[in-house]
C-alpha atoms as a PDB file:
ATOM      1  CA  UNK A   1     134.353 116.273 103.392  1.00  0.00           C
ATOM      2  CA  UNK A   2     130.734 116.765 102.318  1.00  0.00           C
ATOM      3  CA  UNK A   3     127.987 115.475 104.531  1.00  0.00           C
ATOM      4  CA  UNK A   4     124.985 114.115 102.729  1.00  0.00           C
ATOM      5  CA  UNK A   5     121.669 113.568 104.444  1.00  0.00           C
ATOM      6  CA  UNK A   6     119.339 110.706 103.781  1.00  0.00           C
ATOM      7  CA  UNK A   7     116.098 112.572 104.468  1.00  0.00           C
ATOM      8  CA  UNK A   8     113.391 112.082 101.891  1.00  0.00           C
ATOM      9  CA  UNK A   9     111.786 115.139 100.373  1.00  0.00           C
ATOM     10  CA  UNK A  10     108.094 114.437  99.987  1.00  0.00           C
ATOM     11  CA  UNK A  11     106.047 116.084  97.261  1.00  0.00           C
ATOM     12  CA  UNK A  12     102.320 115.808  97.890  1.00  0.00           C
ATOM     13  CA  UNK A  13      99.643 116.538  95.232  1.00  0.00           C
ATOM     14  CA  UNK A  14      97.455 118.682  97.520  1.00  0.00           C
ATOM     15  CA  UNK A  15      96.843 121.540  95.069  1.00  0.00           C
ATOM     16  CA  UNK A  16      95.739 119.165  92.287  1.00  0.00           C
ATOM     17  CA  UNK A  17      93.311 117.335  94.573  1.00  0.00           C
ATOM     18  CA  UNK A  18      89.613 118.054  94.890  1.00  0.00           C
ATOM     19  CA  UNK A  19      88.084 118.009  98.348  1.00  0.00           C
ATOM     20  CA  UNK A  20      87.327 114.376  99.218  1.00  0.00           C
ATOM     21  CA  UNK A  21      90.093 112.869  97.063  1.00  0.00           C
ATOM     22  CA  UNK A  22      92.768 110.744  98.688  1.00  0.00           C
ATOM     23  CA  UNK A  23      96.105 109.058  98.073  1.00  0.00           C
ATOM     24  CA  UNK A  24      98.016 106.227  99.729  1.00  0.00           C
ATOM     25  CA  UNK A  25     101.693 106.227 100.687  1.00  0.00           C
ATOM     26  CA  UNK A  26     103.290 102.898 101.656  1.00  0.00           C
ATOM     27  CA  UNK A  27     105.382 103.279 104.819  1.00  0.00           C
ATOM     28  CA  UNK A  28     106.661 101.095 107.637  1.00  0.00           C
ATOM     29  CA  UNK A  29     107.196 104.255 109.730  1.00  0.00           C
ATOM     30  CA  UNK A  30     103.900 106.130 109.478  1.00  0.00           C
ATOM     31  CA  UNK A  31     104.606 108.394 112.467  1.00  0.00           C
ATOM     32  CA  UNK A  32     107.488 110.125 110.675  1.00  0.00           C
ATOM     33  CA  UNK A  33     105.304 110.503 107.595  1.00  0.00           C
ATOM     34  CA  UNK A  34     102.628 112.344 109.618  1.00  0.00           C
ATOM     35  CA  UNK A  35     105.029 115.224 110.245  1.00  0.00           C
ATOM     36  CA  UNK A  36     105.824 115.549 106.533  1.00  0.00           C
ATOM     37  CA  UNK A  37     102.106 115.488 105.640  1.00  0.00           C
ATOM     38  CA  UNK A  38     101.317 118.163 108.230  1.00  0.00           C
ATOM     39  CA  UNK A  39     104.135 120.405 106.988  1.00  0.00           C
ATOM     40  CA  UNK A  40     103.145 119.951 103.345  1.00  0.00           C
ATOM     41  CA  UNK A  41      99.482 120.691 104.020  1.00  0.00           C
ATOM     42  CA  UNK A  42     100.362 123.780 106.022  1.00  0.00           C
ATOM     43  CA  UNK A  43     102.673 125.029 103.266  1.00  0.00           C
ATOM     44  CA  UNK A  44      99.919 124.537 100.650  1.00  0.00           C
ATOM     45  CA  UNK A  45      97.244 125.976 102.989  1.00  0.00           C
ATOM     46  CA  UNK A  46      94.968 122.950 102.779  1.00  0.00           C
ATOM     47  CA  UNK A  47      93.332 120.777 105.437  1.00  0.00           C
ATOM     48  CA  UNK A  48      93.922 117.041 105.389  1.00  0.00           C
ATOM     49  CA  UNK A  49      92.971 113.981 107.386  1.00  0.00           C
ATOM     50  CA  UNK A  50      95.110 110.834 107.500  1.00  0.00           C
ATOM     51  CA  UNK A  51      95.011 107.327 108.924  1.00  0.00           C
ATOM     52  CA  UNK A  52      97.325 104.348 109.089  1.00  0.00           C
ATOM     53  CA  UNK A  53      95.830 101.587 106.947  1.00  0.00           C
ATOM     54  CA  UNK A  54      96.768  98.824 104.550  1.00  0.00           C
ATOM     55  CA  UNK A  55      96.355  98.541 100.796  1.00  0.00           C
ATOM     56  CA  UNK A  56      97.138  95.319  98.940  1.00  0.00           C
ATOM     57  CA  UNK A  57      98.625  93.930 102.200  1.00  0.00           C
ATOM     58  CA  UNK A  58     101.006  96.898 102.456  1.00  0.00           C
ATOM     59  CA  UNK A  59     101.110  99.128 105.558  1.00  0.00           C
ATOM     60  CA  UNK A  60     100.899 102.847 104.860  1.00  0.00           C
ATOM     61  CA  UNK A  61      99.046 106.107 105.273  1.00  0.00           C
ATOM     62  CA  UNK A  62      95.886 107.188 103.439  1.00  0.00           C
ATOM     63  CA  UNK A  63      95.543 110.980 103.152  1.00  0.00           C
ATOM     64  CA  UNK A  64      92.320 112.832 102.268  1.00  0.00           C
ATOM     65  CA  UNK A  65      91.982 116.491 101.375  1.00  0.00           C
ATOM     66  CA  UNK A  66      89.122 117.873 103.456  1.00  0.00           C
ATOM     67  CA  UNK A  67      89.340 121.652 102.740  1.00  0.00           C
END
């Protein structure tokens, strides 16, 4: 019997972003998204800053590339 996991694999556009650019990810569980953002930024060797916020009445995380 094969066991499938339901983990999402996030692909972030860090390398295509200029310093100061940002993106928004809708999420009702922002804390679990923070870990994925941190891992992705570390893998791409970039520095990011992120905050929980809303956009168009939707809860999510806004991520900025800072270095």
